[in-house]
Amino acid sequence: MKSFKYTINGSGYKVVINSIEDTIAEVEVNGTPYRVEMNRPPKKQVVTIKRPAQTTTPPVTRPQTSISASALKSPLPGVILDVVCKAGDTVKKGQKVMVLEAMKMENAINSDRDGVVKEVKVNKGDSVLEGADLIIIE
């Protein structure tokens, strides 16, 4: 329902359009209902949505179903700020291996076991989703 106010020859009119079907419109003018036949059907309104310009964002690493049980997974979606270890490094349980920014907070990602880093799956600046493999520890 759309409502309009018109002034014609100094007189004020309140027009409410209740419905439109094909070329027939149900309207009220100053509270009095009318059926109005239009010469042609109303134009279909086309809404165009413009998206903001795409900025260059790092690719998002999707969670993968890992066959290896030795993968350290992301606890939250976020952006990798720093990778402290590299392939071949020996890590201890509780040792910081990377920093993840999530919800404007820096989160230290610690190793959940002792072992050797077999593979680092992410790089500094990568966006990751919850559950994504970060590093593989053997």
N, C-alpha and C. Protein backbone atom coordinates (compact mmCIF):
# COMPACT_ATOMS: atom_id res chain seq x y z
N MET A 1 0.85 -1.17 0.00
CA MET A 1 0.00 0.00 0.00
C MET A 1 0.90 1.23 0.00
N LYS A 2 0.68 2.10 -0.98
CA LYS A 2 1.45 3.33 -1.08
C LYS A 2 0.52 4.51 -0.85
N SER A 3 1.06 5.53 -0.23
CA SER A 3 0.27 6.72 0.09
C SER A 3 0.95 7.95 -0.50
N PHE A 4 0.17 8.83 -1.12
CA PHE A 4 0.71 10.04 -1.74
C PHE A 4 -0.17 11.22 -1.35
N LYS A 5 0.42 12.41 -1.35
CA LYS A 5 -0.34 13.64 -1.14
C LYS A 5 -0.14 14.51 -2.37
N TYR A 6 -1.27 14.97 -2.95
CA TYR A 6 -1.25 15.81 -4.14
C TYR A 6 -1.99 17.10 -3.86
N THR A 7 -1.57 18.17 -4.51
CA THR A 7 -2.31 19.43 -4.49
C THR A 7 -2.64 19.76 -5.94
N ILE A 8 -3.96 19.84 -6.22
CA ILE A 8 -4.42 20.14 -7.58
C ILE A 8 -5.32 21.36 -7.49
N ASN A 9 -4.93 22.40 -8.21
CA ASN A 9 -5.68 23.67 -8.22
C ASN A 9 -5.95 24.16 -6.80
N GLY A 10 -4.96 24.02 -5.91
CA GLY A 10 -5.09 24.53 -4.55
C GLY A 10 -5.79 23.60 -3.58
N SER A 11 -6.35 22.50 -4.05
CA SER A 11 -7.03 21.55 -3.16
C SER A 11 -6.09 20.38 -2.86
N GLY A 12 -6.06 19.93 -1.60
CA GLY A 12 -5.21 18.83 -1.20
C GLY A 12 -5.92 17.50 -1.30
N TYR A 13 -5.21 16.48 -1.77
CA TYR A 13 -5.77 15.15 -1.92
C TYR A 13 -4.80 14.14 -1.33
N LYS A 14 -5.34 13.22 -0.54
CA LYS A 14 -4.54 12.12 -0.03
C LYS A 14 -4.96 10.88 -0.82
N VAL A 15 -4.00 10.29 -1.56
CA VAL A 15 -4.28 9.15 -2.42
C VAL A 15 -3.53 7.94 -1.87
N VAL A 16 -4.30 6.87 -1.63
CA VAL A 16 -3.72 5.62 -1.15
C VAL A 16 -3.99 4.56 -2.21
N ILE A 17 -2.91 3.92 -2.69
CA ILE A 17 -3.05 2.84 -3.67
C ILE A 17 -3.06 1.53 -2.89
N ASN A 18 -4.20 0.85 -2.87
CA ASN A 18 -4.34 -0.39 -2.11
C ASN A 18 -3.82 -1.60 -2.88
N SER A 19 -4.16 -1.69 -4.17
CA SER A 19 -3.68 -2.82 -4.97
C SER A 19 -3.75 -2.46 -6.44
N ILE A 20 -2.93 -3.18 -7.22
CA ILE A 20 -2.93 -3.02 -8.68
C ILE A 20 -2.89 -4.41 -9.28
N GLU A 21 -3.86 -4.71 -10.16
CA GLU A 21 -3.86 -5.97 -10.89
C GLU A 21 -4.06 -5.64 -12.35
N ASP A 22 -3.09 -6.03 -13.17
CA ASP A 22 -3.09 -5.72 -14.59
C ASP A 22 -3.29 -4.21 -14.79
N THR A 23 -4.46 -3.81 -15.32
CA THR A 23 -4.70 -2.38 -15.58
C THR A 23 -5.73 -1.78 -14.62
N ILE A 24 -6.12 -2.52 -13.57
CA ILE A 24 -7.10 -2.03 -12.61
C ILE A 24 -6.40 -1.73 -11.27
N ALA A 25 -6.60 -0.52 -10.76
CA ALA A 25 -6.01 -0.12 -9.47
C ALA A 25 -7.14 0.17 -8.50
N GLU A 26 -6.99 -0.34 -7.28
CA GLU A 26 -7.92 -0.04 -6.20
C GLU A 26 -7.28 1.10 -5.40
N VAL A 27 -7.90 2.30 -5.40
CA VAL A 27 -7.33 3.46 -4.73
C VAL A 27 -8.37 4.11 -3.82
N GLU A 28 -7.86 4.91 -2.87
CA GLU A 28 -8.72 5.74 -2.04
C GLU A 28 -8.24 7.17 -2.18
N VAL A 29 -9.17 8.09 -2.46
CA VAL A 29 -8.84 9.51 -2.54
C VAL A 29 -9.60 10.20 -1.43
N ASN A 30 -8.88 10.76 -0.48
CA ASN A 30 -9.47 11.39 0.70
C ASN A 30 -10.48 10.47 1.39
N GLY A 31 -10.16 9.15 1.45
CA GLY A 31 -11.01 8.18 2.14
C GLY A 31 -12.09 7.56 1.29
N THR A 32 -12.31 8.02 0.08
CA THR A 32 -13.34 7.47 -0.80
C THR A 32 -12.69 6.44 -1.74
N PRO A 33 -13.19 5.18 -1.74
CA PRO A 33 -12.58 4.16 -2.60
C PRO A 33 -13.00 4.31 -4.06
N TYR A 34 -12.06 4.01 -4.96
CA TYR A 34 -12.29 4.05 -6.41
C TYR A 34 -11.60 2.85 -7.04
N ARG A 35 -12.20 2.36 -8.16
CA ARG A 35 -11.54 1.39 -9.05
C ARG A 35 -11.13 2.19 -10.27
N VAL A 36 -9.87 2.24 -10.52
CA VAL A 36 -9.35 3.05 -11.63
C VAL A 36 -8.79 2.13 -12.69
N GLU A 37 -9.22 2.36 -13.95
CA GLU A 37 -8.66 1.59 -15.06
C GLU A 37 -7.58 2.43 -15.71
N MET A 38 -6.41 1.83 -15.82
CA MET A 38 -5.26 2.53 -16.41
C MET A 38 -5.20 2.21 -17.90
N ASN A 39 -4.64 3.14 -18.68
CA ASN A 39 -4.51 2.95 -20.13
C ASN A 39 -3.56 1.80 -20.47
N ARG A 40 -2.53 1.62 -19.65
CA ARG A 40 -1.57 0.53 -19.88
C ARG A 40 -1.11 -0.01 -18.53
N PRO A 41 -0.67 -1.24 -18.50
CA PRO A 41 -0.23 -1.81 -17.23
C PRO A 41 0.99 -1.04 -16.68
N PRO A 42 1.13 -1.00 -15.37
CA PRO A 42 2.27 -0.29 -14.80
C PRO A 42 3.57 -0.98 -15.17
N LYS A 43 4.64 -0.18 -15.21
CA LYS A 43 5.96 -0.73 -15.52
C LYS A 43 6.42 -1.60 -14.37
N LYS A 44 7.05 -2.68 -14.71
CA LYS A 44 7.65 -3.52 -13.68
C LYS A 44 8.89 -2.79 -13.18
N GLN A 45 9.00 -2.68 -11.87
CA GLN A 45 10.16 -2.00 -11.31
C GLN A 45 11.31 -2.99 -11.25
N VAL A 46 12.43 -2.58 -11.81
CA VAL A 46 13.63 -3.39 -11.77
C VAL A 46 14.58 -2.76 -10.77
N VAL A 47 14.97 -3.54 -9.81
CA VAL A 47 15.88 -3.04 -8.78
C VAL A 47 17.28 -3.51 -9.13
N THR A 48 18.20 -2.56 -9.24
CA THR A 48 19.58 -2.89 -9.52
C THR A 48 20.39 -2.67 -8.26
N ILE A 49 21.08 -3.70 -7.85
CA ILE A 49 21.92 -3.61 -6.66
C ILE A 49 23.36 -3.57 -7.11
N LYS A 50 24.05 -2.49 -6.74
CA LYS A 50 25.46 -2.39 -7.08
C LYS A 50 26.28 -2.84 -5.89
N ARG A 51 27.19 -3.72 -6.16
CA ARG A 51 28.08 -4.19 -5.12
C ARG A 51 29.29 -3.28 -5.05
N PRO A 52 29.84 -3.10 -3.86
CA PRO A 52 31.04 -2.28 -3.77
C PRO A 52 32.18 -2.94 -4.53
N ALA A 53 33.12 -2.13 -4.94
CA ALA A 53 34.27 -2.64 -5.69
C ALA A 53 34.98 -3.71 -4.86
N GLN A 54 35.36 -4.76 -5.53
CA GLN A 54 36.05 -5.85 -4.85
C GLN A 54 37.46 -5.43 -4.47
N THR A 55 37.80 -5.67 -3.23
CA THR A 55 39.16 -5.41 -2.80
C THR A 55 39.92 -6.72 -2.89
N THR A 56 41.21 -6.62 -2.98
CA THR A 56 41.99 -7.84 -3.06
C THR A 56 42.12 -8.43 -1.67
N THR A 57 41.46 -9.55 -1.48
CA THR A 57 41.51 -10.22 -0.19
C THR A 57 42.22 -11.55 -0.38
N PRO A 58 42.91 -11.99 0.64
CA PRO A 58 43.59 -13.28 0.52
C PRO A 58 42.57 -14.40 0.36
N PRO A 59 42.94 -15.48 -0.27
CA PRO A 59 41.99 -16.58 -0.46
C PRO A 59 41.60 -17.18 0.88
N VAL A 60 40.38 -17.70 0.93
CA VAL A 60 39.88 -18.34 2.14
C VAL A 60 40.21 -19.81 2.07
N THR A 61 40.83 -20.31 3.11
CA THR A 61 41.14 -21.73 3.18
C THR A 61 39.93 -22.44 3.76
N ARG A 62 39.36 -23.34 3.00
CA ARG A 62 38.17 -24.08 3.42
C ARG A 62 38.55 -25.22 4.35
N PRO A 63 37.67 -25.53 5.31
CA PRO A 63 37.97 -26.70 6.15
C PRO A 63 38.00 -27.94 5.28
N GLN A 64 38.96 -28.78 5.55
CA GLN A 64 39.08 -30.00 4.78
C GLN A 64 38.92 -31.17 5.73
N THR A 65 38.29 -32.20 5.23
CA THR A 65 38.20 -33.39 6.05
C THR A 65 39.55 -34.07 5.93
N SER A 66 40.30 -34.02 6.99
CA SER A 66 41.66 -34.52 6.96
C SER A 66 41.68 -35.99 7.35
N ILE A 67 42.40 -36.78 6.56
CA ILE A 67 42.54 -38.19 6.86
C ILE A 67 43.53 -38.33 8.02
N SER A 68 44.53 -37.44 8.05
CA SER A 68 45.56 -37.47 9.09
C SER A 68 45.02 -36.90 10.39
N ALA A 69 45.16 -37.65 11.47
CA ALA A 69 44.69 -37.19 12.77
C ALA A 69 45.69 -36.24 13.39
N SER A 70 46.81 -35.96 12.71
CA SER A 70 47.85 -35.12 13.28
C SER A 70 47.74 -33.66 12.84
N ALA A 71 46.63 -33.28 12.25
CA ALA A 71 46.46 -31.90 11.79
C ALA A 71 46.00 -31.02 12.95
N LEU A 72 46.66 -29.88 13.11
CA LEU A 72 46.24 -28.87 14.08
C LEU A 72 45.23 -27.99 13.36
N LYS A 73 44.01 -27.89 13.90
CA LYS A 73 42.93 -27.20 13.20
C LYS A 73 42.67 -25.82 13.80
N SER A 74 42.11 -24.93 12.98
CA SER A 74 41.78 -23.58 13.42
C SER A 74 40.57 -23.64 14.36
N PRO A 75 40.69 -23.04 15.55
CA PRO A 75 39.56 -23.06 16.48
C PRO A 75 38.48 -22.04 16.13
N LEU A 76 38.85 -21.03 15.34
CA LEU A 76 37.94 -19.93 14.98
C LEU A 76 38.19 -19.52 13.54
N PRO A 77 37.21 -18.89 12.89
CA PRO A 77 37.50 -18.26 11.60
C PRO A 77 38.28 -16.98 11.84
N GLY A 78 39.23 -16.67 10.97
CA GLY A 78 40.01 -15.45 11.14
C GLY A 78 41.10 -15.33 10.10
N VAL A 79 42.11 -14.49 10.42
CA VAL A 79 43.23 -14.22 9.51
C VAL A 79 44.53 -14.59 10.24
N ILE A 80 45.40 -15.28 9.53
CA ILE A 80 46.70 -15.67 10.10
C ILE A 80 47.59 -14.43 10.13
N LEU A 81 48.02 -14.02 11.33
CA LEU A 81 48.90 -12.85 11.47
C LEU A 81 50.37 -13.23 11.45
N ASP A 82 50.70 -14.41 11.97
CA ASP A 82 52.10 -14.80 12.04
C ASP A 82 52.19 -16.32 12.10
N VAL A 83 53.19 -16.86 11.41
CA VAL A 83 53.48 -18.29 11.47
C VAL A 83 54.86 -18.41 12.10
N VAL A 84 54.92 -19.02 13.28
CA VAL A 84 56.15 -19.07 14.06
C VAL A 84 57.02 -20.27 13.69
N CYS A 85 56.42 -21.35 13.19
CA CYS A 85 57.18 -22.56 12.88
C CYS A 85 57.23 -22.78 11.38
N LYS A 86 58.09 -23.73 10.98
CA LYS A 86 58.19 -24.12 9.57
C LYS A 86 58.34 -25.63 9.50
N ALA A 87 58.20 -26.18 8.31
CA ALA A 87 58.33 -27.62 8.14
C ALA A 87 59.70 -28.07 8.63
N GLY A 88 59.71 -29.16 9.40
CA GLY A 88 60.96 -29.70 9.93
C GLY A 88 61.24 -29.29 11.36
N ASP A 89 60.56 -28.26 11.87
CA ASP A 89 60.77 -27.81 13.25
C ASP A 89 60.20 -28.82 14.23
N THR A 90 60.88 -28.96 15.38
CA THR A 90 60.37 -29.79 16.47
C THR A 90 59.58 -28.88 17.41
N VAL A 91 58.36 -29.32 17.76
CA VAL A 91 57.51 -28.52 18.65
C VAL A 91 57.12 -29.35 19.86
N LYS A 92 56.88 -28.64 20.95
CA LYS A 92 56.44 -29.26 22.20
C LYS A 92 54.96 -28.91 22.41
N LYS A 93 54.28 -29.73 23.18
CA LYS A 93 52.88 -29.47 23.51
C LYS A 93 52.79 -28.12 24.24
N GLY A 94 51.87 -27.25 23.78
CA GLY A 94 51.69 -25.92 24.39
C GLY A 94 52.56 -24.83 23.77
N GLN A 95 53.46 -25.19 22.87
CA GLN A 95 54.33 -24.19 22.21
C GLN A 95 53.54 -23.42 21.16
N LYS A 96 53.72 -22.08 21.13
CA LYS A 96 53.02 -21.25 20.13
C LYS A 96 53.58 -21.55 18.75
N VAL A 97 52.67 -21.86 17.81
CA VAL A 97 53.09 -22.15 16.44
C VAL A 97 52.61 -21.09 15.45
N MET A 98 51.56 -20.34 15.81
CA MET A 98 51.09 -19.24 14.95
C MET A 98 50.14 -18.34 15.72
N VAL A 99 49.84 -17.17 15.10
CA VAL A 99 48.92 -16.20 15.71
C VAL A 99 47.77 -16.00 14.74
N LEU A 100 46.55 -16.10 15.26
CA LEU A 100 45.32 -15.97 14.47
C LEU A 100 44.55 -14.77 14.98
N GLU A 101 44.17 -13.86 14.07
CA GLU A 101 43.32 -12.73 14.46
C GLU A 101 41.88 -13.13 14.19
N ALA A 102 41.06 -13.06 15.23
CA ALA A 102 39.63 -13.37 15.10
C ALA A 102 38.87 -12.36 15.94
N MET A 103 37.89 -11.72 15.36
CA MET A 103 37.06 -10.72 16.04
C MET A 103 37.93 -9.63 16.67
N LYS A 104 38.92 -9.16 15.92
CA LYS A 104 39.80 -8.06 16.33
C LYS A 104 40.66 -8.40 17.54
N MET A 105 40.84 -9.69 17.80
CA MET A 105 41.71 -10.11 18.89
C MET A 105 42.74 -11.09 18.36
N GLU A 106 43.97 -10.98 18.89
CA GLU A 106 45.02 -11.90 18.51
C GLU A 106 44.96 -13.13 19.40
N ASN A 107 44.95 -14.31 18.78
CA ASN A 107 44.87 -15.57 19.50
C ASN A 107 46.10 -16.40 19.19
N ALA A 108 46.83 -16.81 20.22
CA ALA A 108 47.98 -17.69 20.03
C ALA A 108 47.46 -19.09 19.76
N ILE A 109 47.94 -19.71 18.70
CA ILE A 109 47.59 -21.09 18.39
C ILE A 109 48.78 -21.93 18.85
N ASN A 110 48.53 -22.80 19.82
CA ASN A 110 49.58 -23.62 20.41
C ASN A 110 49.48 -25.06 19.92
N SER A 111 50.64 -25.72 19.90
CA SER A 111 50.68 -27.13 19.51
C SER A 111 49.92 -27.94 20.55
N ASP A 112 49.17 -28.93 20.08
CA ASP A 112 48.41 -29.76 21.01
C ASP A 112 49.14 -31.06 21.35
N ARG A 113 50.38 -31.22 20.83
CA ARG A 113 51.17 -32.41 21.11
C ARG A 113 52.65 -32.17 20.76
N ASP A 114 53.51 -33.02 21.26
CA ASP A 114 54.92 -32.99 20.88
C ASP A 114 55.05 -33.62 19.49
N GLY A 115 56.01 -33.13 18.71
CA GLY A 115 56.25 -33.75 17.41
C GLY A 115 57.07 -32.86 16.50
N VAL A 116 57.11 -33.26 15.24
CA VAL A 116 57.84 -32.54 14.21
C VAL A 116 56.83 -32.01 13.20
N VAL A 117 56.99 -30.73 12.83
CA VAL A 117 56.09 -30.11 11.86
C VAL A 117 56.38 -30.72 10.49
N LYS A 118 55.40 -31.44 9.96
CA LYS A 118 55.56 -32.06 8.64
C LYS A 118 55.23 -31.05 7.54
N GLU A 119 54.16 -30.25 7.75
CA GLU A 119 53.71 -29.31 6.71
C GLU A 119 52.96 -28.15 7.35
N VAL A 120 53.23 -26.94 6.86
CA VAL A 120 52.46 -25.76 7.26
C VAL A 120 51.48 -25.49 6.14
N LYS A 121 50.18 -25.57 6.43
CA LYS A 121 49.13 -25.49 5.41
C LYS A 121 48.70 -24.06 5.08
N VAL A 122 49.09 -23.07 5.91
CA VAL A 122 48.64 -21.69 5.71
C VAL A 122 49.84 -20.75 5.72
N ASN A 123 49.63 -19.56 5.20
CA ASN A 123 50.66 -18.53 5.17
C ASN A 123 50.15 -17.30 5.91
N LYS A 124 51.08 -16.42 6.24
CA LYS A 124 50.73 -15.15 6.87
C LYS A 124 49.78 -14.39 5.94
N GLY A 125 48.66 -13.89 6.49
CA GLY A 125 47.69 -13.13 5.71
C GLY A 125 46.53 -13.95 5.16
N ASP A 126 46.61 -15.28 5.27
CA ASP A 126 45.52 -16.13 4.78
C ASP A 126 44.30 -16.02 5.68
N SER A 127 43.13 -16.06 5.08
CA SER A 127 41.87 -16.15 5.83
C SER A 127 41.53 -17.62 5.97
N VAL A 128 41.15 -18.02 7.17
CA VAL A 128 40.81 -19.42 7.41
C VAL A 128 39.45 -19.51 8.08
N LEU A 129 38.78 -20.62 7.85
CA LEU A 129 37.50 -20.89 8.50
C LEU A 129 37.72 -21.83 9.68
N GLU A 130 36.75 -21.88 10.56
CA GLU A 130 36.84 -22.78 11.71
C GLU A 130 36.99 -24.21 11.22
N GLY A 131 37.93 -24.93 11.78
CA GLY A 131 38.13 -26.33 11.42
C GLY A 131 39.12 -26.54 10.29
N ALA A 132 39.68 -25.47 9.72
CA ALA A 132 40.65 -25.62 8.64
C ALA A 132 41.97 -26.14 9.20
N ASP A 133 42.64 -27.02 8.43
CA ASP A 133 43.95 -27.51 8.83
C ASP A 133 44.96 -26.38 8.78
N LEU A 134 45.71 -26.20 9.86
CA LEU A 134 46.74 -25.14 9.91
C LEU A 134 48.13 -25.75 9.70
N ILE A 135 48.47 -26.75 10.51
CA ILE A 135 49.76 -27.43 10.35
C ILE A 135 49.56 -28.93 10.58
N ILE A 136 50.49 -29.71 10.03
CA ILE A 136 50.49 -31.15 10.23
C ILE A 136 51.68 -31.46 11.12
N ILE A 137 51.41 -32.14 12.24
CA ILE A 137 52.47 -32.51 13.18
C ILE A 137 52.53 -34.04 13.24
N GLU A 138 53.76 -34.59 13.08
CA GLU A 138 53.95 -36.04 13.18
C GLU A 138 54.54 -36.39 14.51
